[in-house]
Amino acid sequence: METTSQVDGQPQGTEGARPSRPASRRDDALYRRADFPWYGLDAAYTGPRWLMQAAVAGDGAVEHGSLGHGEEPSVRTEGGADKERFAAVVTVAAHEGRRTADGTGMLEATTVSSAAWLAGAGLLTVTWPGQIDHTLRDDWLDQQTEAAWELADDLEGEVWSSLTLPVDGRPTPFHYRESEYGWVLAGTAGEVHLGAYGRGMSAYGLAFSRVEDLGAYL
């Protein structure tokens, strides 16, 4: 799975699936640069939509990004965060391993595990367990992120179950798991791998579709 990328032109790790923030023109331009389609919740969902972050590889190609739906999540459990209702959809360009633009190395192929990893890491970055002191959260996040990586590499493991959801109106199989912090799912839809995570919104009632107009997320 790809472990290095850039967000808004700055080097980042795959933990780049971070909490959302208000979209800027620069964010919008980065999403529009992608040579693959973005996916979000379908038209049956009528709530708020917002851009999260997109990431590019070392050769400048847009690799993946996330679109938010519902309430923008807080990273703290105080103040009613447990009542948040949101779902983030991660779109990952599906490609085989390829040589970097300068010819000095190779970029790893992307897989369903890539989408599962990004979704799992994304959920963790908007989670702050109530029993964890702020001085210990970094250690907790490191441990849980490593666990999410291992789970993403074992999609046939017992932690995952099968869930079929519509993608562009077609039944599509996903790997699905729940935790005390929310849910994560991942699958493949044509030329992209899809991941999603959320809490407060049931994954069982979701449907995904290609985003024809990013303006709905601005």
Protein backbone atom coordinates (compact mmCIF):
# COMPACT_ATOMS: atom_id res chain seq x y z
CA MET A 1 0.00 0.00 0.00
CA GLU A 2 1.17 3.56 -0.74
CA THR A 3 2.82 4.98 2.36
CA THR A 4 3.89 8.42 1.17
CA SER A 5 1.91 11.16 -0.43
CA GLN A 6 1.38 14.87 -0.42
CA VAL A 7 -1.57 16.89 0.76
CA ASP A 8 -1.97 20.32 -0.82
CA GLY A 9 1.58 19.98 -2.08
CA GLN A 10 3.16 19.14 1.28
CA PRO A 11 4.65 15.70 2.08
CA GLN A 12 2.43 13.59 4.31
CA GLY A 13 2.06 9.94 5.35
CA THR A 14 -1.02 7.90 4.56
CA GLU A 15 -2.45 9.23 7.77
CA GLY A 16 -3.37 12.09 5.43
CA ALA A 17 -7.02 11.06 5.78
CA ARG A 18 -7.42 13.64 8.53
CA PRO A 19 -10.30 15.68 9.90
CA SER A 20 -12.10 17.81 7.36
CA ARG A 21 -11.76 21.55 7.04
CA PRO A 22 -13.50 24.22 4.94
CA ALA A 23 -12.65 23.80 1.27
CA SER A 24 -10.52 26.39 -0.49
CA ARG A 25 -10.10 27.07 -4.19
CA ARG A 26 -6.79 25.22 -3.97
CA ASP A 27 -8.50 22.13 -2.55
CA ASP A 28 -11.13 22.32 -5.27
CA ALA A 29 -8.45 22.51 -7.98
CA LEU A 30 -6.64 19.50 -6.55
CA TYR A 31 -9.79 17.38 -6.63
CA ARG A 32 -10.51 18.46 -10.20
CA ARG A 33 -6.99 17.44 -11.26
CA ALA A 34 -7.70 13.77 -10.59
CA ASP A 35 -7.87 11.49 -13.62
CA PHE A 36 -10.32 9.15 -11.90
CA PRO A 37 -13.94 9.70 -10.76
CA TRP A 38 -14.79 10.69 -7.20
CA TYR A 39 -17.49 8.88 -5.28
CA GLY A 40 -19.82 10.02 -2.53
CA LEU A 41 -23.21 9.14 -1.10
CA ASP A 42 -25.93 8.99 -3.74
CA ALA A 43 -28.81 11.43 -4.25
CA ALA A 44 -30.93 9.73 -1.58
CA TYR A 45 -28.72 11.48 0.97
CA THR A 46 -29.86 15.11 1.25
CA GLY A 47 -27.70 16.39 4.11
CA PRO A 48 -24.53 18.50 4.15
CA ARG A 49 -21.59 17.55 1.91
CA TRP A 50 -18.01 18.87 2.14
CA LEU A 51 -14.53 18.35 0.74
CA MET A 52 -12.02 16.80 3.09
CA GLN A 53 -8.52 16.33 1.64
CA ALA A 54 -6.96 14.92 -1.51
CA ALA A 55 -3.40 13.58 -1.73
CA VAL A 56 -0.87 13.29 -4.52
CA ALA A 57 2.02 10.89 -5.03
CA GLY A 58 5.63 11.85 -5.56
CA ASP A 59 5.10 12.12 -9.31
CA GLY A 60 2.35 14.70 -8.83
CA ALA A 61 -0.58 12.44 -9.71
CA VAL A 62 -3.64 12.67 -7.46
CA GLU A 63 -3.81 9.36 -5.61
CA HIS A 64 -6.81 9.52 -3.30
CA GLY A 65 -9.13 11.81 -1.42
CA SER A 66 -12.18 11.91 0.83
CA LEU A 67 -15.61 13.50 0.67
CA GLY A 68 -17.58 14.17 3.86
CA HIS A 69 -21.30 13.83 4.54
CA GLY A 70 -23.24 14.91 7.61
CA GLU A 71 -21.73 16.76 10.57
CA GLU A 72 -18.04 17.60 10.40
CA PRO A 73 -16.59 15.36 13.14
CA SER A 74 -14.84 16.61 16.24
CA VAL A 75 -11.78 14.79 17.57
CA ARG A 76 -12.97 15.14 21.17
CA THR A 77 -15.66 13.12 22.89
CA GLU A 78 -16.72 16.06 25.02
CA GLY A 79 -19.50 18.39 23.97
CA GLY A 80 -21.77 15.83 22.39
CA ALA A 81 -19.29 14.37 19.89
CA ASP A 82 -20.79 10.95 20.60
CA LYS A 83 -23.96 12.19 18.88
CA GLU A 84 -22.17 13.10 15.64
CA ARG A 85 -23.60 11.68 12.45
CA PHE A 86 -21.18 11.56 9.56
CA ALA A 87 -19.86 9.35 6.79
CA ALA A 88 -16.67 9.95 4.83
CA VAL A 89 -16.15 8.29 1.45
CA VAL A 90 -12.56 7.64 0.36
CA THR A 91 -11.81 7.22 -3.35
CA VAL A 92 -8.46 5.64 -4.30
CA ALA A 93 -7.20 5.48 -7.87
CA ALA A 94 -6.79 1.83 -8.85
CA HIS A 95 -3.46 1.28 -10.57
CA GLU A 96 -0.64 -1.20 -10.86
CA GLY A 97 2.82 -0.38 -9.58
CA ARG A 98 4.50 2.24 -11.74
CA ARG A 99 7.82 4.02 -12.02
CA THR A 100 8.15 7.49 -10.54
CA ALA A 101 8.32 10.48 -12.86
CA ASP A 102 12.08 10.88 -12.32
CA GLY A 103 12.66 7.19 -13.01
CA THR A 104 14.45 6.60 -9.71
CA GLY A 105 11.89 4.39 -8.00
CA MET A 106 8.57 2.61 -8.09
CA LEU A 107 5.19 3.56 -6.67
CA GLU A 108 3.30 0.66 -5.14
CA ALA A 109 0.09 -0.65 -6.64
CA THR A 110 -3.14 0.32 -4.92
CA THR A 111 -5.60 -2.32 -3.71
CA VAL A 112 -8.78 -2.67 -1.71
CA SER A 113 -6.48 -2.84 1.31
CA SER A 114 -5.28 0.67 0.46
CA ALA A 115 -8.85 1.95 0.75
CA ALA A 116 -9.42 -0.03 3.97
CA TRP A 117 -6.25 1.40 5.49
CA LEU A 118 -7.12 4.99 4.60
CA ALA A 119 -10.64 4.57 5.94
CA GLY A 120 -9.44 3.00 9.17
CA ALA A 121 -6.81 5.69 9.71
CA GLY A 122 -9.37 8.37 8.89
CA LEU A 123 -11.76 7.13 11.55
CA LEU A 124 -9.00 7.13 14.15
CA THR A 125 -7.97 10.71 13.43
CA VAL A 126 -11.45 11.93 14.38
CA THR A 127 -11.61 9.78 17.51
CA TRP A 128 -10.59 10.74 21.03
CA PRO A 129 -11.58 8.06 23.57
CA GLY A 130 -12.99 9.68 26.68
CA GLN A 131 -10.73 7.66 28.96
CA ILE A 132 -7.53 8.82 27.23
CA ASP A 133 -5.71 11.86 28.59
CA HIS A 134 -4.46 14.27 25.93
CA THR A 135 -0.85 13.47 26.86
CA LEU A 136 -1.42 9.81 26.01
CA ARG A 137 -3.48 10.19 22.85
CA ASP A 138 -0.47 10.21 20.51
CA ASP A 139 0.62 6.82 21.87
CA TRP A 140 -2.93 5.50 21.56
CA LEU A 141 -3.19 6.81 18.01
CA ASP A 142 0.12 5.20 17.00
CA GLN A 143 -0.97 1.85 18.43
CA GLN A 144 -4.42 1.94 16.87
CA THR A 145 -3.06 3.10 13.51
CA GLU A 146 -0.68 0.16 13.41
CA ALA A 147 -3.59 -2.15 14.25
CA ALA A 148 -5.66 -0.58 11.44
CA TRP A 149 -2.79 -1.25 9.02
CA GLU A 150 -2.65 -4.90 10.03
CA LEU A 151 -6.44 -5.27 9.72
CA ALA A 152 -6.39 -3.71 6.26
CA ASP A 153 -3.81 -6.29 5.16
CA ASP A 154 -6.07 -9.14 6.31
CA LEU A 155 -9.44 -8.45 4.70
CA GLU A 156 -10.33 -12.14 4.84
CA GLY A 157 -9.80 -12.18 8.60
CA GLU A 158 -12.57 -12.79 11.13
CA VAL A 159 -12.77 -9.11 12.08
CA TRP A 160 -14.27 -8.36 8.66
CA SER A 161 -17.71 -9.34 7.41
CA SER A 162 -19.35 -9.01 3.99
CA LEU A 163 -21.73 -6.22 3.12
CA THR A 164 -23.32 -5.53 -0.26
CA LEU A 165 -24.23 -1.93 -1.05
CA PRO A 166 -25.29 -0.13 -4.25
CA VAL A 167 -22.61 1.67 -6.24
CA ASP A 168 -24.07 3.56 -9.21
CA GLY A 169 -27.15 1.42 -8.70
CA ARG A 170 -25.27 -1.90 -8.92
CA PRO A 171 -24.92 -4.27 -5.94
CA THR A 172 -21.26 -4.21 -4.94
CA PRO A 173 -19.51 -6.35 -2.29
CA PHE A 174 -17.62 -4.64 0.51
CA HIS A 175 -15.49 -5.72 3.45
CA TYR A 176 -17.01 -4.28 6.61
CA ARG A 177 -16.02 -4.01 10.27
CA GLU A 178 -17.28 -2.19 13.33
CA SER A 179 -15.50 -0.94 16.44
CA GLU A 180 -16.47 1.08 19.47
CA TYR A 181 -15.37 4.17 17.54
CA GLY A 182 -17.43 3.65 14.38
CA TRP A 183 -17.43 1.53 11.24
CA VAL A 184 -15.13 1.04 8.25
CA LEU A 185 -15.75 -0.56 4.87
CA ALA A 186 -13.80 -1.05 1.63
CA GLY A 187 -14.43 -2.46 -1.84
CA THR A 188 -13.76 -1.91 -5.54
CA ALA A 189 -15.92 -0.09 -8.09
CA GLY A 190 -14.56 -0.16 -11.61
CA GLU A 191 -11.44 1.98 -11.92
CA VAL A 192 -11.30 2.96 -8.25
CA HIS A 193 -11.18 1.40 -4.81
CA LEU A 194 -13.69 2.79 -2.33
CA GLY A 195 -13.39 3.09 1.41
CA ALA A 196 -15.77 4.68 3.87
CA TYR A 197 -15.94 5.31 7.60
CA GLY A 198 -18.35 6.98 9.95
CA ARG A 199 -20.41 6.89 13.09
CA GLY A 200 -23.95 7.84 13.94
CA MET A 201 -25.04 6.92 10.41
CA SER A 202 -25.66 3.25 9.72
CA ALA A 203 -23.50 1.83 6.95
CA TYR A 204 -26.24 -0.65 6.06
CA GLY A 205 -28.45 2.00 4.50
CA LEU A 206 -25.79 3.75 2.42
CA ALA A 207 -25.49 3.85 -1.35
CA PHE A 208 -22.64 5.36 -3.36
CA SER A 209 -22.51 7.07 -6.73
CA ARG A 210 -20.07 8.86 -8.98
CA VAL A 211 -19.89 12.58 -8.21
CA GLU A 212 -20.84 14.50 -11.33
CA ASP A 213 -20.62 17.96 -9.76
CA LEU A 214 -18.07 18.72 -7.02
CA GLY A 215 -19.91 21.98 -6.46
CA ALA A 216 -22.25 20.13 -4.11
CA TYR A 217 -19.25 19.72 -1.76
CA LEU A 218 -18.07 23.35 -1.75
